[in-house]
Structures are given as structure tokens and as C-alpha cells.
């Protein structure tokens, strides 16, 4: 009986030691997985569902930020998470949020995504994906900052004509 207990103890210790070594592929890039979730939500917040795209607004800051977020997401999916299934579901958020709140939340989400991506190791196997993703996130971050500044700018205080004048 003593031998069976000792053998069981040794087997269970061996099992406990080997469990952390066996990880799914997504856990190798957990920072990219978290960044993808943040980028999806930031993109969903920037979508303008009620307003259709017009020719004059086709190159505004928010549209350019969305295209940069799409670029970062495609780089992550293509290089870092090739086996991950593309998520088709749109993240849930409060649709009653004001436009300035949506911009602010997406700005903070891009900060979190940038932090998560910067924690990942950029090895030669994924050919600089971290650098490209961080560049796209930085570009989107700057575009959203301009959009926030534009929304919060008081045109009436300086008698500056707007696009609607």
C-alpha cells in the first residue's frame, strides 16, 4: 500500500509539473487576444450606425481611425493568431452613449490595446507584427484625439466658420 501511495504521489507531482508546459496557441499570445477584444469594441464604438457614409465625410478622422484599427486587427489575425477564428459578433455597448463619450471610451480602449500589444515579444517568427500593430494603433489613437478635440472645440467662442456655415 505504501508503494501505491508513493507512486500516486510521484505521478500527481509529474502531472502538476507538466500541465503549465501544455498551453493552447492563443495563450502564447494572450496580449494580442486581449488587444483584439479592445480593438473590436473600439471599432464598434466608432461606427456610425444612424448616419450613412457621404462623399464629403468619406475621409474624416473617425473613418481613418477605423481603417487603422482594421489594419491592426488584420495584422494580428494574419501573423500572430493565424488559427484563431474570426469573430463575427459585434461587442455589446450602451447605444445611448453620446458621440463624445464613444470617442473617449474608444480612445482609452486603444490605450489598453497598445499596452497589451507592447507586452508581447516580437520575435523573428512573426516578422515585426508588433511594430506594425503598434504603428496602426498609434495612428488611430492620433486620429481619435483630433476627433475628440474637434468635437470639444467651441466654434462660437472664436467666430470661426464651420463646415455647416
C-alpha atoms as a PDB file:
ATOM      1  CA  UNK A   1       0.000   0.000   0.000  1.00  0.00           C
ATOM      2  CA  UNK A   2       2.845   2.347   0.749  1.00  0.00           C
ATOM      3  CA  UNK A   3       4.292   1.822  -2.735  1.00  0.00           C
ATOM      4  CA  UNK A   4       0.990   2.642  -4.438  1.00  0.00           C
ATOM      5  CA  UNK A   5       0.648   5.856  -2.456  1.00  0.00           C
ATOM      6  CA  UNK A   6       4.211   6.907  -3.219  1.00  0.00           C
ATOM      7  CA  UNK A   7       3.739   6.063  -6.891  1.00  0.00           C
ATOM      8  CA  UNK A   8       0.498   8.042  -6.961  1.00  0.00           C
ATOM      9  CA  UNK A   9       2.211  10.995  -5.319  1.00  0.00           C
ATOM     10  CA  UNK A  10       5.046  10.925  -7.822  1.00  0.00           C
ATOM     11  CA  UNK A  11       2.606  10.631 -10.742  1.00  0.00           C
ATOM     12  CA  UNK A  12       0.491  13.534  -9.497  1.00  0.00           C
ATOM     13  CA  UNK A  13       3.609  15.694  -8.976  1.00  0.00           C
ATOM     14  CA  UNK A  14       4.728  14.892 -12.508  1.00  0.00           C
ATOM     15  CA  UNK A  15       1.297  15.796 -13.839  1.00  0.00           C
ATOM     16  CA  UNK A  16       1.258  19.106 -11.977  1.00  0.00           C
ATOM     17  CA  UNK A  17       4.692  19.986 -13.302  1.00  0.00           C
ATOM     18  CA  UNK A  18       3.783  19.169 -16.902  1.00  0.00           C
ATOM     19  CA  UNK A  19       0.420  20.995 -17.018  1.00  0.00           C
ATOM     20  CA  UNK A  20       1.847  24.528 -17.365  1.00  0.00           C
ATOM     21  CA  UNK A  21       4.012  23.357 -20.273  1.00  0.00           C
ATOM     22  CA  UNK A  22       0.963  22.386 -22.333  1.00  0.00           C
ATOM     23  CA  UNK A  23      -0.771  25.589 -23.422  1.00  0.00           C
ATOM     24  CA  UNK A  24      -3.082  26.344 -26.303  1.00  0.00           C
ATOM     25  CA  UNK A  25      -1.776  28.547 -29.103  1.00  0.00           C
ATOM     26  CA  UNK A  26      -3.930  31.513 -28.058  1.00  0.00           C
ATOM     27  CA  UNK A  27      -2.321  31.594 -24.624  1.00  0.00           C
ATOM     28  CA  UNK A  28       1.064  32.138 -26.236  1.00  0.00           C
ATOM     29  CA  UNK A  29      -0.272  35.471 -27.468  1.00  0.00           C
ATOM     30  CA  UNK A  30      -2.648  36.406 -24.672  1.00  0.00           C
ATOM     31  CA  UNK A  31      -1.738  40.089 -25.081  1.00  0.00           C
ATOM     32  CA  UNK A  32      -2.820  40.003 -28.710  1.00  0.00           C
ATOM     33  CA  UNK A  33      -6.074  38.246 -27.766  1.00  0.00           C
ATOM     34  CA  UNK A  34      -6.891  40.969 -25.215  1.00  0.00           C
ATOM     35  CA  UNK A  35      -5.864  43.650 -27.710  1.00  0.00           C
ATOM     36  CA  UNK A  36      -8.212  42.149 -30.323  1.00  0.00           C
ATOM     37  CA  UNK A  37     -11.123  42.382 -27.891  1.00  0.00           C
ATOM     38  CA  UNK A  38     -10.306  46.031 -27.133  1.00  0.00           C
ATOM     39  CA  UNK A  39      -9.873  46.861 -30.825  1.00  0.00           C
ATOM     40  CA  UNK A  40     -13.194  45.231 -31.739  1.00  0.00           C
ATOM     41  CA  UNK A  41     -15.029  47.232 -29.096  1.00  0.00           C
ATOM     42  CA  UNK A  42     -13.254  50.477 -30.060  1.00  0.00           C
ATOM     43  CA  UNK A  43     -14.199  49.897 -33.701  1.00  0.00           C
ATOM     44  CA  UNK A  44     -17.820  49.183 -32.774  1.00  0.00           C
ATOM     45  CA  UNK A  45     -17.980  52.405 -30.753  1.00  0.00           C
ATOM     46  CA  UNK A  46     -16.676  54.410 -33.703  1.00  0.00           C
ATOM     47  CA  UNK A  47     -19.222  53.013 -36.162  1.00  0.00           C
ATOM     48  CA  UNK A  48     -21.914  55.493 -37.077  1.00  0.00           C
ATOM     49  CA  UNK A  49     -24.995  53.362 -37.499  1.00  0.00           C
ATOM     50  CA  UNK A  50     -27.540  56.115 -37.956  1.00  0.00           C
ATOM     51  CA  UNK A  51     -25.545  58.179 -40.433  1.00  0.00           C
ATOM     52  CA  UNK A  52     -24.779  56.766 -43.828  1.00  0.00           C
ATOM     53  CA  UNK A  53     -21.439  57.483 -45.437  1.00  0.00           C
ATOM     54  CA  UNK A  54     -21.397  60.550 -47.624  1.00  0.00           C
ATOM     55  CA  UNK A  55     -18.854  61.711 -50.175  1.00  0.00           C
ATOM     56  CA  UNK A  56     -17.816  64.701 -48.051  1.00  0.00           C
ATOM     57  CA  UNK A  57     -17.262  62.655 -44.892  1.00  0.00           C
ATOM     58  CA  UNK A  58     -15.504  59.712 -46.516  1.00  0.00           C
ATOM     59  CA  UNK A  59     -12.068  60.785 -45.246  1.00  0.00           C
ATOM     60  CA  UNK A  60     -12.852  62.229 -41.831  1.00  0.00           C
ATOM     61  CA  UNK A  61     -10.734  61.394 -38.787  1.00  0.00           C
ATOM     62  CA  UNK A  62     -13.045  58.696 -37.442  1.00  0.00           C
ATOM     63  CA  UNK A  63     -13.187  56.858 -40.752  1.00  0.00           C
ATOM     64  CA  UNK A  64      -9.406  56.934 -40.981  1.00  0.00           C
ATOM     65  CA  UNK A  65      -9.147  55.701 -37.382  1.00  0.00           C
ATOM     66  CA  UNK A  66     -11.471  52.790 -38.201  1.00  0.00           C
ATOM     67  CA  UNK A  67      -9.312  51.840 -41.176  1.00  0.00           C
ATOM     68  CA  UNK A  68      -6.207  51.932 -38.947  1.00  0.00           C
ATOM     69  CA  UNK A  69      -7.940  49.744 -36.369  1.00  0.00           C
ATOM     70  CA  UNK A  70      -8.922  47.335 -39.153  1.00  0.00           C
ATOM     71  CA  UNK A  71      -5.295  47.245 -40.275  1.00  0.00           C
ATOM     72  CA  UNK A  72      -4.072  46.446 -36.760  1.00  0.00           C
ATOM     73  CA  UNK A  73      -6.703  43.726 -36.360  1.00  0.00           C
ATOM     74  CA  UNK A  74      -5.838  42.130 -39.699  1.00  0.00           C
ATOM     75  CA  UNK A  75      -2.113  42.135 -38.834  1.00  0.00           C
ATOM     76  CA  UNK A  76      -2.812  40.414 -35.528  1.00  0.00           C
ATOM     77  CA  UNK A  77      -5.105  37.854 -37.144  1.00  0.00           C
ATOM     78  CA  UNK A  78      -2.774  37.181 -40.067  1.00  0.00           C
ATOM     79  CA  UNK A  79       0.558  36.942 -38.248  1.00  0.00           C
ATOM     80  CA  UNK A  80       0.099  36.398 -34.517  1.00  0.00           C
ATOM     81  CA  UNK A  81      -3.171  34.462 -34.320  1.00  0.00           C
ATOM     82  CA  UNK A  82      -3.497  32.603 -37.647  1.00  0.00           C
ATOM     83  CA  UNK A  83      -5.516  29.730 -36.140  1.00  0.00           C
ATOM     84  CA  UNK A  84      -7.990  31.985 -34.343  1.00  0.00           C
ATOM     85  CA  UNK A  85     -11.464  32.068 -35.846  1.00  0.00           C
ATOM     86  CA  UNK A  86     -12.612  35.486 -36.957  1.00  0.00           C
ATOM     87  CA  UNK A  87     -15.209  36.758 -34.511  1.00  0.00           C
ATOM     88  CA  UNK A  88     -18.364  37.791 -36.290  1.00  0.00           C
ATOM     89  CA  UNK A  89     -20.235  39.069 -33.248  1.00  0.00           C
ATOM     90  CA  UNK A  90     -20.257  42.785 -32.549  1.00  0.00           C
ATOM     91  CA  UNK A  91     -19.328  43.670 -28.956  1.00  0.00           C
ATOM     92  CA  UNK A  92     -22.171  44.978 -26.817  1.00  0.00           C
ATOM     93  CA  UNK A  93     -22.123  48.535 -25.519  1.00  0.00           C
ATOM     94  CA  UNK A  94     -24.593  51.175 -24.390  1.00  0.00           C
ATOM     95  CA  UNK A  95     -26.049  52.615 -27.587  1.00  0.00           C
ATOM     96  CA  UNK A  96     -27.340  55.670 -25.725  1.00  0.00           C
ATOM     97  CA  UNK A  97     -23.799  56.980 -25.221  1.00  0.00           C
ATOM     98  CA  UNK A  98     -23.122  60.422 -26.625  1.00  0.00           C
ATOM     99  CA  UNK A  99     -20.692  60.735 -29.521  1.00  0.00           C
ATOM    100  CA  UNK A 100     -18.039  62.399 -27.350  1.00  0.00           C
ATOM    101  CA  UNK A 101     -18.321  59.583 -24.779  1.00  0.00           C
ATOM    102  CA  UNK A 102     -17.944  56.995 -27.512  1.00  0.00           C
ATOM    103  CA  UNK A 103     -14.815  58.741 -28.752  1.00  0.00           C
ATOM    104  CA  UNK A 104     -13.382  58.919 -25.231  1.00  0.00           C
ATOM    105  CA  UNK A 105     -14.043  55.251 -24.478  1.00  0.00           C
ATOM    106  CA  UNK A 106     -12.547  54.140 -27.786  1.00  0.00           C
ATOM    107  CA  UNK A 107      -9.506  56.351 -27.054  1.00  0.00           C
ATOM    108  CA  UNK A 108      -8.991  54.547 -23.722  1.00  0.00           C
ATOM    109  CA  UNK A 109      -9.535  51.155 -25.360  1.00  0.00           C
ATOM    110  CA  UNK A 110      -6.778  51.930 -27.841  1.00  0.00           C
ATOM    111  CA  UNK A 111      -4.506  52.766 -24.906  1.00  0.00           C
ATOM    112  CA  UNK A 112      -5.246  49.364 -23.372  1.00  0.00           C
ATOM    113  CA  UNK A 113      -4.729  47.577 -26.690  1.00  0.00           C
ATOM    114  CA  UNK A 114      -1.395  49.329 -27.139  1.00  0.00           C
ATOM    115  CA  UNK A 115      -0.308  48.272 -23.650  1.00  0.00           C
ATOM    116  CA  UNK A 116      -1.359  44.663 -24.270  1.00  0.00           C
ATOM    117  CA  UNK A 117       0.490  44.530 -27.600  1.00  0.00           C
ATOM    118  CA  UNK A 118       3.634  46.060 -26.159  1.00  0.00           C
ATOM    119  CA  UNK A 119       3.845  43.204 -23.634  1.00  0.00           C
ATOM    120  CA  UNK A 120       4.120  40.627 -26.419  1.00  0.00           C
ATOM    121  CA  UNK A 121       7.526  39.509 -27.610  1.00  0.00           C
ATOM    122  CA  UNK A 122       8.295  40.433 -31.191  1.00  0.00           C
ATOM    123  CA  UNK A 123      10.402  37.553 -32.413  1.00  0.00           C
ATOM    124  CA  UNK A 124      11.686  36.846 -35.886  1.00  0.00           C
ATOM    125  CA  UNK A 125       8.972  34.242 -36.454  1.00  0.00           C
ATOM    126  CA  UNK A 126       6.194  36.802 -36.730  1.00  0.00           C
ATOM    127  CA  UNK A 127       8.177  39.291 -38.844  1.00  0.00           C
ATOM    128  CA  UNK A 128       7.695  42.521 -36.868  1.00  0.00           C
ATOM    129  CA  UNK A 129       3.971  42.204 -36.330  1.00  0.00           C
ATOM    130  CA  UNK A 130       4.227  44.086 -33.037  1.00  0.00           C
ATOM    131  CA  UNK A 131       5.828  47.084 -34.728  1.00  0.00           C
ATOM    132  CA  UNK A 132       3.168  47.223 -37.447  1.00  0.00           C
ATOM    133  CA  UNK A 133       0.302  46.764 -34.987  1.00  0.00           C
ATOM    134  CA  UNK A 134       1.621  49.442 -32.640  1.00  0.00           C
ATOM    135  CA  UNK A 135       2.095  51.844 -35.570  1.00  0.00           C
ATOM    136  CA  UNK A 136      -1.522  51.295 -36.673  1.00  0.00           C
ATOM    137  CA  UNK A 137      -2.816  51.737 -33.130  1.00  0.00           C
ATOM    138  CA  UNK A 138      -0.753  54.925 -32.715  1.00  0.00           C
ATOM    139  CA  UNK A 139      -2.157  56.315 -35.950  1.00  0.00           C
ATOM    140  CA  UNK A 140      -5.736  55.511 -34.882  1.00  0.00           C
ATOM    141  CA  UNK A 141      -5.014  56.993 -31.457  1.00  0.00           C
ATOM    142  CA  UNK A 142      -3.906  60.258 -33.046  1.00  0.00           C
ATOM    143  CA  UNK A 143      -6.936  60.365 -35.341  1.00  0.00           C
ATOM    144  CA  UNK A 144      -9.329  59.883 -32.428  1.00  0.00           C
ATOM    145  CA  UNK A 145      -7.507  62.587 -30.454  1.00  0.00           C
ATOM    146  CA  UNK A 146      -8.120  65.016 -33.329  1.00  0.00           C
ATOM    147  CA  UNK A 147     -11.785  63.921 -33.468  1.00  0.00           C
ATOM    148  CA  UNK A 148     -12.160  64.497 -29.704  1.00  0.00           C
ATOM    149  CA  UNK A 149     -10.539  67.928 -29.995  1.00  0.00           C
ATOM    150  CA  UNK A 150     -12.840  68.797 -32.890  1.00  0.00           C
ATOM    151  CA  UNK A 151     -15.966  67.706 -31.016  1.00  0.00           C
ATOM    152  CA  UNK A 152     -14.989  69.645 -27.901  1.00  0.00           C
ATOM    153  CA  UNK A 153     -13.878  72.778 -29.763  1.00  0.00           C
ATOM    154  CA  UNK A 154     -16.131  75.765 -29.187  1.00  0.00           C
ATOM    155  CA  UNK A 155     -16.517  77.350 -32.629  1.00  0.00           C
ATOM    156  CA  UNK A 156     -18.872  80.043 -31.394  1.00  0.00           C
ATOM    157  CA  UNK A 157     -16.279  81.410 -28.971  1.00  0.00           C
ATOM    158  CA  UNK A 158     -13.909  82.423 -31.774  1.00  0.00           C
ATOM    159  CA  UNK A 159     -16.285  83.229 -34.622  1.00  0.00           C
ATOM    160  CA  UNK A 160     -14.668  80.594 -36.771  1.00  0.00           C
ATOM    161  CA  UNK A 161     -16.872  79.356 -39.606  1.00  0.00           C
ATOM    162  CA  UNK A 162     -17.665  75.687 -39.529  1.00  0.00           C
ATOM    163  CA  UNK A 163     -18.392  73.325 -42.386  1.00  0.00           C
ATOM    164  CA  UNK A 164     -22.093  73.917 -41.858  1.00  0.00           C
ATOM    165  CA  UNK A 165     -21.847  77.722 -42.278  1.00  0.00           C
END
